[in-house]
N, C-alpha and C. Protein backbone atom coordinates (compact mmCIF):
# COMPACT_ATOMS: atom_id res chain seq x y z
N MET A 1 138.73 90.56 96.01
CA MET A 1 137.97 90.70 97.19
C MET A 1 136.68 90.56 97.11
N SER A 2 135.98 89.50 98.14
CA SER A 2 134.55 88.99 98.04
C SER A 2 133.81 90.28 98.72
N LYS A 3 132.45 90.28 98.09
CA LYS A 3 131.47 91.30 98.66
C LYS A 3 130.65 90.79 100.02
N PRO A 4 130.59 91.74 100.98
CA PRO A 4 130.04 91.27 102.06
C PRO A 4 128.35 90.99 101.84
N LYS A 5 128.02 89.55 102.73
CA LYS A 5 126.71 89.03 102.62
C LYS A 5 126.00 89.50 103.64
N ARG A 6 126.40 90.09 104.62
CA ARG A 6 125.70 90.58 106.02
C ARG A 6 126.23 91.95 106.31
N ILE A 7 125.21 92.44 106.77
CA ILE A 7 125.99 93.82 107.77
C ILE A 7 124.90 94.04 108.80
N PHE A 8 125.64 94.20 110.02
CA PHE A 8 124.83 94.04 111.32
C PHE A 8 124.93 95.56 111.76
N VAL A 9 124.09 95.95 112.12
CA VAL A 9 123.80 97.23 112.50
C VAL A 9 123.42 97.17 114.10
N VAL A 10 123.98 97.69 114.80
CA VAL A 10 123.87 97.61 116.44
C VAL A 10 124.06 98.95 116.98
N GLY A 11 122.95 99.31 118.12
CA GLY A 11 123.02 100.74 118.94
C GLY A 11 122.15 100.70 119.77
N HIS A 12 122.06 101.79 120.47
CA HIS A 12 121.08 102.40 121.44
C HIS A 12 119.72 102.29 120.65
N MET A 13 118.52 101.72 121.38
CA MET A 13 117.55 101.70 121.32
C MET A 13 117.15 103.28 120.99
N GLY A 14 116.42 103.55 119.78
CA GLY A 14 116.21 104.92 119.05
C GLY A 14 116.98 105.87 118.50
N ALA A 15 118.22 104.77 118.29
CA ALA A 15 119.23 105.74 117.36
C ALA A 15 118.79 105.84 116.17
N GLY A 16 118.13 105.06 115.45
CA GLY A 16 117.78 105.29 114.05
C GLY A 16 118.43 103.98 113.23
N LYS A 17 118.45 102.88 113.91
CA LYS A 17 119.14 101.80 113.27
C LYS A 17 118.38 101.10 112.09
N ALA A 18 117.00 100.99 112.57
CA ALA A 18 116.04 100.45 111.45
C ALA A 18 116.13 101.39 110.28
N LEU A 19 115.83 102.44 110.47
CA LEU A 19 115.76 103.27 109.53
C LEU A 19 117.09 103.54 108.23
N LEU A 20 118.34 103.52 109.34
CA LEU A 20 119.49 103.43 108.42
C LEU A 20 119.52 101.96 107.80
N SER A 21 119.22 101.08 108.41
CA SER A 21 119.30 99.57 107.66
C SER A 21 118.71 99.47 106.48
N GLU A 22 117.17 99.81 106.88
CA GLU A 22 116.30 99.83 105.79
C GLU A 22 116.55 100.32 104.35
N ALA A 23 117.23 101.77 104.66
CA ALA A 23 117.44 102.42 103.63
C ALA A 23 118.71 102.06 102.93
N LEU A 24 119.79 101.48 103.65
CA LEU A 24 120.86 100.50 103.18
C LEU A 24 120.71 99.71 102.18
N ALA A 25 119.48 98.95 102.90
CA ALA A 25 119.33 97.33 102.27
C ALA A 25 118.54 97.48 100.81
N LYS A 26 118.01 98.86 100.88
CA LYS A 26 117.24 99.29 99.64
C LYS A 26 118.12 99.70 98.75
N LYS A 27 119.27 100.76 98.83
CA LYS A 27 120.17 100.91 98.10
C LYS A 27 121.10 100.09 97.75
N LEU A 28 121.32 98.75 98.51
CA LEU A 28 122.08 97.88 97.93
C LEU A 28 121.44 96.62 96.85
N GLY A 29 120.18 96.78 97.07
CA GLY A 29 119.16 95.87 96.56
C GLY A 29 119.27 94.63 97.50
N TRP A 30 119.49 94.59 98.89
CA TRP A 30 119.59 93.58 99.67
C TRP A 30 117.90 93.54 100.35
N GLN A 31 117.79 92.44 100.89
CA GLN A 31 116.57 92.38 101.76
C GLN A 31 117.20 92.66 103.34
N TYR A 32 116.05 93.31 103.97
CA TYR A 32 116.33 93.77 105.15
C TYR A 32 115.47 93.05 106.10
N ILE A 33 116.23 92.58 107.36
CA ILE A 33 115.89 91.56 108.32
C ILE A 33 115.83 92.73 109.78
N ASP A 34 114.53 92.64 110.47
CA ASP A 34 115.06 93.01 112.03
C ASP A 34 115.20 91.76 112.61
N ALA A 35 116.36 92.09 113.50
CA ALA A 35 116.71 90.53 114.57
C ALA A 35 115.82 90.78 115.54
N ASN A 36 114.79 91.68 115.88
CA ASN A 36 114.23 91.39 117.20
C ASN A 36 113.22 90.52 117.09
N PRO A 37 112.16 90.35 116.09
CA PRO A 37 111.64 89.45 116.18
C PRO A 37 112.21 87.95 116.13
N SER A 38 113.11 87.65 115.66
CA SER A 38 113.94 86.63 115.87
C SER A 38 114.54 86.35 117.30
N LEU A 39 115.16 87.60 117.75
CA LEU A 39 115.66 87.26 119.22
C LEU A 39 114.71 86.87 120.11
N GLU A 40 113.20 87.19 120.19
CA GLU A 40 112.15 87.16 120.87
C GLU A 40 111.41 85.64 120.82
N ARG A 41 111.41 85.18 119.36
CA ARG A 41 111.51 83.69 119.29
C ARG A 41 112.51 82.86 119.78
N TYR A 42 113.78 83.22 119.42
CA TYR A 42 114.87 82.36 120.36
C TYR A 42 115.06 82.39 121.75
N ILE A 43 114.49 83.52 122.54
CA ILE A 43 114.41 83.27 123.89
C ILE A 43 113.22 82.95 124.29
N GLY A 44 111.98 83.26 123.54
CA GLY A 44 110.51 82.68 124.03
C GLY A 44 109.70 83.76 124.92
N ARG A 45 110.51 84.91 125.20
CA ARG A 45 109.83 86.45 125.60
C ARG A 45 109.69 87.50 124.57
N ASN A 46 109.10 88.43 124.85
CA ASN A 46 109.25 89.68 123.95
C ASN A 46 110.24 90.58 124.41
N LEU A 47 110.66 91.76 123.85
CA LEU A 47 111.73 92.13 124.36
C LEU A 47 111.45 93.28 125.55
N HIS A 48 110.25 93.68 125.79
CA HIS A 48 109.67 94.04 126.99
C HIS A 48 110.17 93.38 128.50
N GLU A 49 109.97 91.76 128.22
CA GLU A 49 109.79 91.11 129.46
C GLU A 49 111.91 90.95 129.53
N ILE A 50 112.48 90.86 128.49
CA ILE A 50 113.70 90.49 128.56
C ILE A 50 114.40 91.79 129.13
N LEU A 51 114.10 93.17 128.82
CA LEU A 51 114.92 93.83 129.11
C LEU A 51 114.70 94.31 130.50
N GLY A 52 113.19 94.03 130.99
CA GLY A 52 112.84 94.47 132.51
C GLY A 52 113.03 93.41 133.44
N LYS A 53 113.31 92.44 132.99
CA LYS A 53 113.93 91.37 134.11
C LYS A 53 115.31 91.07 134.24
N GLU A 54 115.97 91.16 132.85
CA GLU A 54 117.45 91.01 132.84
C GLU A 54 118.50 92.20 132.79
N GLY A 55 117.51 93.14 132.07
CA GLY A 55 118.57 94.12 131.52
C GLY A 55 119.08 94.20 129.98
N GLU A 56 119.50 95.37 129.63
CA GLU A 56 120.25 95.49 128.41
C GLU A 56 121.34 94.64 128.21
N ALA A 57 122.21 94.43 129.30
CA ALA A 57 123.27 93.59 129.16
C ALA A 57 122.95 91.95 128.58
N ALA A 58 122.06 91.30 129.15
CA ALA A 58 121.41 90.45 128.62
C ALA A 58 120.65 90.10 127.18
N PHE A 59 120.18 91.15 126.83
CA PHE A 59 119.46 91.66 125.71
C PHE A 59 120.90 91.35 124.63
N HIS A 60 121.62 92.11 124.84
CA HIS A 60 122.65 92.17 123.85
C HIS A 60 123.56 90.76 123.71
N GLU A 61 123.50 90.24 124.86
CA GLU A 61 124.13 88.90 124.83
C GLU A 61 123.40 87.82 124.12
N CYS A 62 122.20 88.06 124.18
CA CYS A 62 121.29 87.16 123.07
C CYS A 62 121.39 87.54 121.85
N GLU A 63 121.67 88.77 121.60
CA GLU A 63 121.49 89.23 120.11
C GLU A 63 122.91 88.81 119.58
N ALA A 64 123.97 88.95 120.26
CA ALA A 64 125.40 88.19 119.95
C ALA A 64 125.50 86.97 119.86
N GLU A 65 124.82 86.13 120.28
CA GLU A 65 124.55 84.53 120.24
C GLU A 65 123.61 84.45 118.63
N ILE A 66 122.94 85.33 118.34
CA ILE A 66 121.82 85.04 117.32
C ILE A 66 122.79 85.30 116.12
N ILE A 67 123.57 86.72 115.99
CA ILE A 67 124.56 86.70 114.99
C ILE A 67 125.40 85.88 114.82
N LEU A 68 126.16 85.47 115.69
CA LEU A 68 127.23 84.20 115.57
C LEU A 68 126.26 83.13 114.87
């Protein structure tokens, strides 16, 4: 069985995803990448604008596109 190359951690804002992800990456010797800046560049707006105008569903839709 091959080892995974990536792990995606998703969940509600403020749930501790970044803290968990950074600790896990350090333990595994992997690089930690926060997808939020990528999402902002991909859409061309910051997260507050996305969530404020289009809501959380639109935000998660964009996240799914980036992960794919």
